[in-house]
Amino acid sequence: MSDAEESQVPEIELIIKASTIDGRRKGACLFCQEYFMDLYLLAELKTIALKITTVDMLKPPADFRSNFDSTPPPILIDAGVAVLENEKIERHIMKSVPGGHNLFVQDKEVAGIIENVYSKFKLMLIKKDEHSKNSLVAQLSKISVHLEKTGLRFLTGDTMCCFDCELMPKLQHIRVAGAHFADFSIPSDMEALWRYMGTMYSLDAFKTSCPADQDIISHYRMQQGGKMSRREELESPSYTNSLPQQ
C-alpha cells in the first residue's frame, strides 16, 4: 500500500474501559473486547487504521465527562462523530466502516447456540450448584458439537466473523472467572471447543484485545460488592491461554 493510499484509510478510534486495577491497561468489558476484535480484523486488512484509548471509569478525565456525559465505553469515534450504545456501534461497524459488512454473517443456528452461554455462566456464578454447572456444560457442549460437526476453523467458516468476536471473550471469562469463583472448568473432553479456543489464542486479534486474568477476576468481584486485595493488585498481569493435555 502506497503512502497516498495509506493516508486515505479512515482512522477509527475505539474508547474502551480501562483496568479497574491500574486504570491504564485493558479492562474486562466484554463489549469492548468484542468491538476491539471486530475492528482489529479490519485494521489487519488495512481497510481502517485503528486507535484504542482506555478510560479509567473510576476516575474519568474531565474532558471525557464533558464530551460523553455519563455514557460508559465502548464508544466508537469515526470522522469526529461519536457513536454511543452497543447496538448502534455494531450497526455502524456493519454499515459504515469499510469492510465491516464482511464480518456480519447471518447464521441462525450459530446465533442460537451461543446466545445463552453467558447468562448460564452468570447464573452459575450466583448459584455455584451442580444444576447450574451442568446447564452451562450443556450449552458449551452444543458449541463443541457444532464445531465438531462442521469441521470448520471458526463458528461459521474458515475466517472469523462477528460471532467469534462475541463468543471468545465470553469463553475466556467463563474459563478464568469460573475457575476462580465456582471451581468450574470447561471439560477437557470437549476437544472441538478446545481446538477452537487454541486457534483463537494464537490470533493477534484476540491476544491484543484480551484483558489480564486479574482484571477478569476484579470485574466479577466488584459485581459481587468486593474488591481486590493489595497483594492481588500488585501481581504482574497473567493471561491464561494453555490447553488441556489430550
C-alpha atoms as a PDB file:
ATOM      1  CA  MET A   1       0.000   0.000   0.000  1.00  0.00           C
ATOM      2  CA  SER A   2       1.422   3.406  -1.032  1.00  0.00           C
ATOM      3  CA  ASP A   3       1.658   6.434   1.281  1.00  0.00           C
ATOM      4  CA  ALA A   4      -1.175   8.066  -0.683  1.00  0.00           C
ATOM      5  CA  GLU A   5      -3.391   5.017  -0.203  1.00  0.00           C
ATOM      6  CA  GLU A   6      -2.389   4.781   3.467  1.00  0.00           C
ATOM      7  CA  SER A   7      -3.486   8.375   4.061  1.00  0.00           C
ATOM      8  CA  GLN A   8      -6.921   7.627   2.597  1.00  0.00           C
ATOM      9  CA  VAL A   9      -7.594   4.843   5.096  1.00  0.00           C
ATOM     10  CA  PRO A  10     -10.022   6.239   7.711  1.00  0.00           C
ATOM     11  CA  GLU A  11      -8.973   6.212  11.348  1.00  0.00           C
ATOM     12  CA  ILE A  12     -11.461   4.674  13.747  1.00  0.00           C
ATOM     13  CA  GLU A  13     -10.998   5.274  17.465  1.00  0.00           C
ATOM     14  CA  LEU A  14     -12.486   2.864  19.980  1.00  0.00           C
ATOM     15  CA  ILE A  15     -12.660   4.041  23.581  1.00  0.00           C
ATOM     16  CA  ILE A  16     -12.708   1.081  25.966  1.00  0.00           C
ATOM     17  CA  LYS A  17     -12.903   0.669  29.730  1.00  0.00           C
ATOM     18  CA  ALA A  18      -9.533   0.543  31.447  1.00  0.00           C
ATOM     19  CA  SER A  19      -8.490  -1.962  34.071  1.00  0.00           C
ATOM     20  CA  THR A  20     -10.166  -1.435  37.448  1.00  0.00           C
ATOM     21  CA  ILE A  21      -6.798  -2.374  38.985  1.00  0.00           C
ATOM     22  CA  ASP A  22      -4.298   0.027  37.396  1.00  0.00           C
ATOM     23  CA  GLY A  23      -6.590   2.330  35.368  1.00  0.00           C
ATOM     24  CA  ARG A  24      -4.393   2.016  32.280  1.00  0.00           C
ATOM     25  CA  ARG A  25      -4.352  -1.409  30.682  1.00  0.00           C
ATOM     26  CA  LYS A  26      -7.390  -3.027  29.017  1.00  0.00           C
ATOM     27  CA  GLY A  27     -10.320  -3.736  31.312  1.00  0.00           C
ATOM     28  CA  ALA A  28     -12.570  -6.801  31.312  1.00  0.00           C
ATOM     29  CA  CYS A  29     -15.520  -5.325  29.398  1.00  0.00           C
ATOM     30  CA  LEU A  30     -16.981  -7.949  27.051  1.00  0.00           C
ATOM     31  CA  PHE A  31     -18.444  -5.491  24.557  1.00  0.00           C
ATOM     32  CA  CYS A  32     -15.197  -3.502  24.499  1.00  0.00           C
ATOM     33  CA  GLN A  33     -13.236  -6.613  23.575  1.00  0.00           C
ATOM     34  CA  GLU A  34     -15.830  -7.744  21.031  1.00  0.00           C
ATOM     35  CA  TYR A  35     -15.688  -4.478  19.078  1.00  0.00           C
ATOM     36  CA  PHE A  36     -11.898  -4.256  19.561  1.00  0.00           C
ATOM     37  CA  MET A  37     -11.629  -7.646  17.828  1.00  0.00           C
ATOM     38  CA  ASP A  38     -14.042  -6.668  15.034  1.00  0.00           C
ATOM     39  CA  LEU A  39     -12.066  -3.511  14.292  1.00  0.00           C
ATOM     40  CA  TYR A  40      -8.673  -5.180  14.709  1.00  0.00           C
ATOM     41  CA  LEU A  41      -9.587  -7.656  11.953  1.00  0.00           C
ATOM     42  CA  LEU A  42     -10.469  -4.725   9.662  1.00  0.00           C
ATOM     43  CA  ALA A  43      -7.217  -2.969  10.562  1.00  0.00           C
ATOM     44  CA  GLU A  44      -5.307  -6.145   9.631  1.00  0.00           C
ATOM     45  CA  LEU A  45      -6.988  -5.955   6.218  1.00  0.00           C
ATOM     46  CA  LYS A  46      -5.916  -2.290   6.039  1.00  0.00           C
ATOM     47  CA  THR A  47      -9.449  -1.011   5.401  1.00  0.00           C
ATOM     48  CA  ILE A  48      -9.089   1.191   8.516  1.00  0.00           C
ATOM     49  CA  ALA A  49      -6.454   2.489  10.898  1.00  0.00           C
ATOM     50  CA  LEU A  50      -7.407   1.629  14.483  1.00  0.00           C
ATOM     51  CA  LYS A  51      -6.719   3.704  17.575  1.00  0.00           C
ATOM     52  CA  ILE A  52      -7.559   2.262  21.003  1.00  0.00           C
ATOM     53  CA  THR A  53      -7.992   4.553  24.013  1.00  0.00           C
ATOM     54  CA  THR A  54      -8.552   3.265  27.534  1.00  0.00           C
ATOM     55  CA  VAL A  55     -10.512   5.313  30.057  1.00  0.00           C
ATOM     56  CA  ASP A  56     -10.455   4.749  33.817  1.00  0.00           C
ATOM     57  CA  MET A  57     -14.170   4.819  34.658  1.00  0.00           C
ATOM     58  CA  LEU A  58     -13.399   5.005  38.390  1.00  0.00           C
ATOM     59  CA  LYS A  59     -11.672   8.343  37.716  1.00  0.00           C
ATOM     60  CA  PRO A  60     -12.721   9.526  34.256  1.00  0.00           C
ATOM     61  CA  PRO A  61     -10.881  12.610  32.964  1.00  0.00           C
ATOM     62  CA  ALA A  62     -12.825  15.880  32.856  1.00  0.00           C
ATOM     63  CA  ASP A  63     -12.860  16.046  29.036  1.00  0.00           C
ATOM     64  CA  PHE A  64     -14.367  12.557  28.865  1.00  0.00           C
ATOM     65  CA  ARG A  65     -17.166  13.568  31.232  1.00  0.00           C
ATOM     66  CA  SER A  66     -17.877  16.754  29.286  1.00  0.00           C
ATOM     67  CA  ASN A  67     -17.765  15.076  25.861  1.00  0.00           C
ATOM     68  CA  PHE A  68     -19.727  11.936  26.655  1.00  0.00           C
ATOM     69  CA  ASP A  69     -21.684  12.847  29.790  1.00  0.00           C
ATOM     70  CA  SER A  70     -22.116   9.614  31.751  1.00  0.00           C
ATOM     71  CA  THR A  71     -22.046   7.198  28.794  1.00  0.00           C
ATOM     72  CA  PRO A  72     -19.677   4.314  29.591  1.00  0.00           C
ATOM     73  CA  PRO A  73     -17.428   2.748  26.941  1.00  0.00           C
ATOM     74  CA  PRO A  74     -17.307   1.232  24.447  1.00  0.00           C
ATOM     75  CA  ILE A  75     -17.551   4.388  22.363  1.00  0.00           C
ATOM     76  CA  LEU A  76     -16.617   4.476  18.693  1.00  0.00           C
ATOM     77  CA  ILE A  77     -15.383   7.670  17.041  1.00  0.00           C
ATOM     78  CA  ASP A  78     -15.459   7.882  13.258  1.00  0.00           C
ATOM     79  CA  ALA A  79     -14.534  11.118  11.469  1.00  0.00           C
ATOM     80  CA  GLY A  80     -15.031  13.074  14.700  1.00  0.00           C
ATOM     81  CA  VAL A  81     -18.518  11.673  15.293  1.00  0.00           C
ATOM     82  CA  ALA A  82     -19.064   9.631  18.454  1.00  0.00           C
ATOM     83  CA  VAL A  83     -21.216   6.514  18.220  1.00  0.00           C
ATOM     84  CA  LEU A  84     -22.672   5.558  21.600  1.00  0.00           C
ATOM     85  CA  GLU A  85     -24.574   2.448  22.742  1.00  0.00           C
ATOM     86  CA  ASN A  86     -23.659  -1.102  21.794  1.00  0.00           C
ATOM     87  CA  GLU A  87     -26.357  -1.743  19.184  1.00  0.00           C
ATOM     88  CA  LYS A  88     -25.521   1.492  17.362  1.00  0.00           C
ATOM     89  CA  ILE A  89     -21.792   0.680  17.420  1.00  0.00           C
ATOM     90  CA  GLU A  90     -22.485  -2.746  15.952  1.00  0.00           C
ATOM     91  CA  ARG A  91     -24.707  -1.268  13.257  1.00  0.00           C
ATOM     92  CA  HIS A  92     -22.088   1.390  12.457  1.00  0.00           C
ATOM     93  CA  ILE A  93     -19.316  -1.199  12.056  1.00  0.00           C
ATOM     94  CA  MET A  94     -21.593  -3.265   9.804  1.00  0.00           C
ATOM     95  CA  LYS A  95     -22.914  -0.451   7.618  1.00  0.00           C
ATOM     96  CA  SER A  96     -20.414   2.416   7.736  1.00  0.00           C
ATOM     97  CA  VAL A  97     -16.903   1.103   8.480  1.00  0.00           C
ATOM     98  CA  PRO A  98     -15.059  -0.057   5.320  1.00  0.00           C
ATOM     99  CA  GLY A  99     -15.093  -3.862   5.130  1.00  0.00           C
ATOM    100  CA  GLY A 100     -17.293  -4.158   8.206  1.00  0.00           C
ATOM    101  CA  HIS A 101     -20.201  -5.793   6.383  1.00  0.00           C
ATOM    102  CA  ASN A 102     -17.991  -8.843   5.712  1.00  0.00           C
ATOM    103  CA  LEU A 103     -17.801  -9.601   9.452  1.00  0.00           C
ATOM    104  CA  PHE A 104     -21.558  -9.798   9.931  1.00  0.00           C
ATOM    105  CA  VAL A 105     -22.641 -13.240   8.774  1.00  0.00           C
ATOM    106  CA  GLN A 106     -26.271 -14.364   9.031  1.00  0.00           C
ATOM    107  CA  ASP A 107     -26.447 -17.777  10.720  1.00  0.00           C
ATOM    108  CA  LYS A 108     -29.461 -18.558  12.913  1.00  0.00           C
ATOM    109  CA  GLU A 109     -28.044 -21.860  14.146  1.00  0.00           C
ATOM    110  CA  VAL A 110     -24.817 -20.286  15.423  1.00  0.00           C
ATOM    111  CA  ALA A 111     -26.688 -17.319  16.883  1.00  0.00           C
ATOM    112  CA  GLY A 112     -28.906 -19.765  18.767  1.00  0.00           C
ATOM    113  CA  ILE A 113     -26.161 -21.951  20.242  1.00  0.00           C
ATOM    114  CA  ILE A 114     -24.070 -19.044  21.562  1.00  0.00           C
ATOM    115  CA  GLU A 115     -26.988 -16.877  22.718  1.00  0.00           C
ATOM    116  CA  ASN A 116     -27.459 -18.239  26.241  1.00  0.00           C
ATOM    117  CA  VAL A 117     -23.945 -19.269  27.191  1.00  0.00           C
ATOM    118  CA  TYR A 118     -23.143 -16.084  29.112  1.00  0.00           C
ATOM    119  CA  SER A 119     -26.446 -15.911  31.016  1.00  0.00           C
ATOM    120  CA  LYS A 120     -25.937 -19.533  32.109  1.00  0.00           C
ATOM    121  CA  PHE A 121     -22.432 -18.641  33.267  1.00  0.00           C
ATOM    122  CA  LYS A 122     -23.696 -15.663  35.284  1.00  0.00           C
ATOM    123  CA  LEU A 123     -26.327 -17.876  36.915  1.00  0.00           C
ATOM    124  CA  MET A 124     -23.636 -20.407  37.806  1.00  0.00           C
ATOM    125  CA  LEU A 125     -21.558 -17.678  39.478  1.00  0.00           C
ATOM    126  CA  ILE A 126     -24.538 -16.883  41.702  1.00  0.00           C
ATOM    127  CA  LYS A 127     -25.745 -20.408  42.496  1.00  0.00           C
ATOM    128  CA  LYS A 128     -22.495 -22.411  42.305  1.00  0.00           C
ATOM    129  CA  ASP A 129     -24.516 -25.640  42.376  1.00  0.00           C
ATOM    130  CA  GLU A 130     -24.378 -28.760  40.220  1.00  0.00           C
ATOM    131  CA  HIS A 131     -27.563 -27.922  38.325  1.00  0.00           C
ATOM    132  CA  SER A 132     -26.274 -24.526  37.132  1.00  0.00           C
ATOM    133  CA  LYS A 133     -22.857 -26.014  36.282  1.00  0.00           C
ATOM    134  CA  ASN A 134     -24.492 -28.815  34.276  1.00  0.00           C
ATOM    135  CA  SER A 135     -26.663 -26.297  32.445  1.00  0.00           C
ATOM    136  CA  LEU A 136     -23.561 -24.331  31.403  1.00  0.00           C
ATOM    137  CA  VAL A 137     -21.752 -27.525  30.376  1.00  0.00           C
ATOM    138  CA  ALA A 138     -24.753 -28.497  28.216  1.00  0.00           C
ATOM    139  CA  GLN A 139     -24.618 -25.139  26.440  1.00  0.00           C
ATOM    140  CA  LEU A 140     -20.849 -25.376  25.896  1.00  0.00           C
ATOM    141  CA  SER A 141     -21.368 -28.912  24.580  1.00  0.00           C
ATOM    142  CA  LYS A 142     -23.739 -27.601  21.899  1.00  0.00           C
ATOM    143  CA  ILE A 143     -20.994 -25.256  20.690  1.00  0.00           C
ATOM    144  CA  SER A 144     -18.404 -28.042  20.724  1.00  0.00           C
ATOM    145  CA  VAL A 145     -20.728 -30.413  18.830  1.00  0.00           C
ATOM    146  CA  HIS A 146     -21.375 -27.719  16.212  1.00  0.00           C
ATOM    147  CA  LEU A 147     -17.633 -27.196  15.701  1.00  0.00           C
ATOM    148  CA  GLU A 148     -17.054 -30.962  15.515  1.00  0.00           C
ATOM    149  CA  LYS A 149     -19.909 -31.481  13.061  1.00  0.00           C
ATOM    150  CA  THR A 150     -18.904 -28.694  10.684  1.00  0.00           C
ATOM    151  CA  GLY A 151     -15.142 -29.241  10.943  1.00  0.00           C
ATOM    152  CA  LEU A 152     -14.696 -25.513  10.454  1.00  0.00           C
ATOM    153  CA  ARG A 153     -11.910 -23.448  11.984  1.00  0.00           C
ATOM    154  CA  PHE A 154     -14.347 -20.844  13.291  1.00  0.00           C
ATOM    155  CA  LEU A 155     -18.068 -20.761  14.046  1.00  0.00           C
ATOM    156  CA  THR A 156     -19.302 -20.110  10.510  1.00  0.00           C
ATOM    157  CA  GLY A 157     -16.308 -20.775   8.251  1.00  0.00           C
ATOM    158  CA  ASP A 158     -12.548 -20.655   7.927  1.00  0.00           C
ATOM    159  CA  THR A 159     -12.380 -16.921   8.607  1.00  0.00           C
ATOM    160  CA  MET A 160     -13.512 -15.107  11.733  1.00  0.00           C
ATOM    161  CA  CYS A 161     -16.817 -13.289  11.881  1.00  0.00           C
ATOM    162  CA  CYS A 162     -18.843 -11.278  14.384  1.00  0.00           C
ATOM    163  CA  PHE A 163     -19.969 -14.440  16.214  1.00  0.00           C
ATOM    164  CA  ASP A 164     -16.359 -15.386  17.021  1.00  0.00           C
ATOM    165  CA  CYS A 165     -15.639 -11.883  18.300  1.00  0.00           C
ATOM    166  CA  GLU A 166     -18.702 -12.192  20.532  1.00  0.00           C
ATOM    167  CA  LEU A 167     -18.128 -15.737  21.803  1.00  0.00           C
ATOM    168  CA  MET A 168     -14.413 -15.962  22.536  1.00  0.00           C
ATOM    169  CA  PRO A 169     -14.266 -13.120  25.108  1.00  0.00           C
ATOM    170  CA  LYS A 170     -17.148 -14.844  26.930  1.00  0.00           C
ATOM    171  CA  LEU A 171     -15.338 -18.189  26.856  1.00  0.00           C
ATOM    172  CA  GLN A 172     -12.297 -16.528  28.413  1.00  0.00           C
ATOM    173  CA  HIS A 173     -14.429 -15.037  31.197  1.00  0.00           C
ATOM    174  CA  ILE A 174     -16.059 -18.433  31.760  1.00  0.00           C
ATOM    175  CA  ARG A 175     -12.648 -20.072  31.935  1.00  0.00           C
ATOM    176  CA  VAL A 176     -10.918 -17.570  34.235  1.00  0.00           C
ATOM    177  CA  ALA A 177     -13.773 -16.395  36.485  1.00  0.00           C
ATOM    178  CA  GLY A 178     -15.488 -19.792  36.506  1.00  0.00           C
ATOM    179  CA  ALA A 179     -12.353 -21.432  37.897  1.00  0.00           C
ATOM    180  CA  HIS A 180     -11.745 -18.671  40.433  1.00  0.00           C
ATOM    181  CA  PHE A 181     -15.242 -18.209  41.849  1.00  0.00           C
ATOM    182  CA  ALA A 182     -17.000 -21.550  41.273  1.00  0.00           C
ATOM    183  CA  ASP A 183     -14.250 -24.155  40.811  1.00  0.00           C
ATOM    184  CA  PHE A 184     -15.599 -24.648  37.292  1.00  0.00           C
ATOM    185  CA  SER A 185     -13.562 -25.773  34.322  1.00  0.00           C
ATOM    186  CA  ILE A 186     -14.541 -26.372  30.722  1.00  0.00           C
ATOM    187  CA  PRO A 187     -14.492 -30.185  30.319  1.00  0.00           C
ATOM    188  CA  SER A 188     -11.281 -31.343  28.676  1.00  0.00           C
ATOM    189  CA  ASP A 189     -13.168 -33.876  26.544  1.00  0.00           C
ATOM    190  CA  MET A 190     -14.783 -31.051  24.535  1.00  0.00           C
ATOM    191  CA  GLU A 191     -11.976 -31.421  22.029  1.00  0.00           C
ATOM    192  CA  ALA A 192     -13.537 -29.349  19.250  1.00  0.00           C
ATOM    193  CA  LEU A 193     -14.210 -26.438  21.600  1.00  0.00           C
ATOM    194  CA  TRP A 194     -10.661 -26.543  22.977  1.00  0.00           C
ATOM    195  CA  ARG A 195      -9.269 -26.730  19.453  1.00  0.00           C
ATOM    196  CA  TYR A 196     -11.296 -23.619  18.612  1.00  0.00           C
ATOM    197  CA  MET A 197     -10.037 -21.812  21.726  1.00  0.00           C
ATOM    198  CA  GLY A 198      -6.462 -22.813  20.876  1.00  0.00           C
ATOM    199  CA  THR A 199      -6.865 -21.280  17.427  1.00  0.00           C
ATOM    200  CA  MET A 200      -8.225 -18.075  18.950  1.00  0.00           C
ATOM    201  CA  TYR A 201      -5.378 -17.906  21.486  1.00  0.00           C
ATOM    202  CA  SER A 202      -2.929 -17.871  18.564  1.00  0.00           C
ATOM    203  CA  LEU A 203      -4.517 -14.885  16.805  1.00  0.00           C
ATOM    204  CA  ASP A 204      -3.382 -11.291  17.275  1.00  0.00           C
ATOM    205  CA  ALA A 205      -6.988 -10.050  17.240  1.00  0.00           C
ATOM    206  CA  PHE A 206      -7.638 -11.983  20.452  1.00  0.00           C
ATOM    207  CA  LYS A 207      -4.218 -11.656  22.085  1.00  0.00           C
ATOM    208  CA  THR A 208      -4.104  -7.884  21.599  1.00  0.00           C
ATOM    209  CA  SER A 209      -7.618  -7.311  22.953  1.00  0.00           C
ATOM    210  CA  CYS A 210      -7.661  -9.828  25.825  1.00  0.00           C
ATOM    211  CA  PRO A 211      -7.700  -8.493  29.408  1.00  0.00           C
ATOM    212  CA  ALA A 212      -5.459  -9.976  32.082  1.00  0.00           C
ATOM    213  CA  ASP A 213      -6.815 -12.746  34.306  1.00  0.00           C
ATOM    214  CA  GLN A 214      -6.604 -10.360  37.265  1.00  0.00           C
ATOM    215  CA  ASP A 215      -8.860  -7.850  35.512  1.00  0.00           C
ATOM    216  CA  ILE A 216     -11.452 -10.517  34.701  1.00  0.00           C
ATOM    217  CA  ILE A 217     -11.463 -11.613  38.351  1.00  0.00           C
ATOM    218  CA  SER A 218     -11.652  -7.990  39.545  1.00  0.00           C
ATOM    219  CA  HIS A 219     -14.613  -7.362  37.213  1.00  0.00           C
ATOM    220  CA  TYR A 220     -16.742 -10.080  38.839  1.00  0.00           C
ATOM    221  CA  ARG A 221     -15.515  -9.390  42.356  1.00  0.00           C
ATOM    222  CA  MET A 222     -16.697  -5.787  42.009  1.00  0.00           C
ATOM    223  CA  GLN A 223     -20.069  -7.034  40.743  1.00  0.00           C
ATOM    224  CA  GLN A 224     -20.303  -9.063  43.948  1.00  0.00           C
ATOM    225  CA  GLY A 225     -19.517  -5.989  46.050  1.00  0.00           C
ATOM    226  CA  GLY A 226     -15.926  -6.980  46.850  1.00  0.00           C
ATOM    227  CA  LYS A 227     -12.550  -5.694  45.729  1.00  0.00           C
ATOM    228  CA  MET A 228      -9.083  -6.994  45.032  1.00  0.00           C
ATOM    229  CA  SER A 229      -6.545  -7.211  47.863  1.00  0.00           C
ATOM    230  CA  ARG A 230      -3.447  -5.026  47.697  1.00  0.00           C
ATOM    231  CA  ARG A 231      -1.352  -8.131  47.042  1.00  0.00           C
ATOM    232  CA  GLU A 232      -3.576  -9.132  44.119  1.00  0.00           C
ATOM    233  CA  GLU A 233      -3.425  -5.613  42.679  1.00  0.00           C
ATOM    234  CA  LEU A 234       0.382  -5.729  42.700  1.00  0.00           C
ATOM    235  CA  GLU A 235       0.575  -9.048  40.846  1.00  0.00           C
ATOM    236  CA  SER A 236       2.078  -8.978  37.359  1.00  0.00           C
ATOM    237  CA  PRO A 237      -0.729  -9.455  34.834  1.00  0.00           C
ATOM    238  CA  SER A 238      -1.156 -13.053  33.689  1.00  0.00           C
ATOM    239  CA  TYR A 239      -3.058 -14.418  30.709  1.00  0.00           C
ATOM    240  CA  THR A 240      -4.484 -17.955  30.783  1.00  0.00           C
ATOM    241  CA  ASN A 241      -4.106 -19.476  27.336  1.00  0.00           C
ATOM    242  CA  SER A 242      -2.963 -23.047  27.950  1.00  0.00           C
ATOM    243  CA  LEU A 243      -4.794 -26.066  26.544  1.00  0.00           C
ATOM    244  CA  PRO A 244      -5.573 -29.330  28.368  1.00  0.00           C
ATOM    245  CA  GLN A 245      -3.330 -32.276  27.624  1.00  0.00           C
ATOM    246  CA  GLN A 246      -5.231 -34.574  25.288  1.00  0.00           C
END
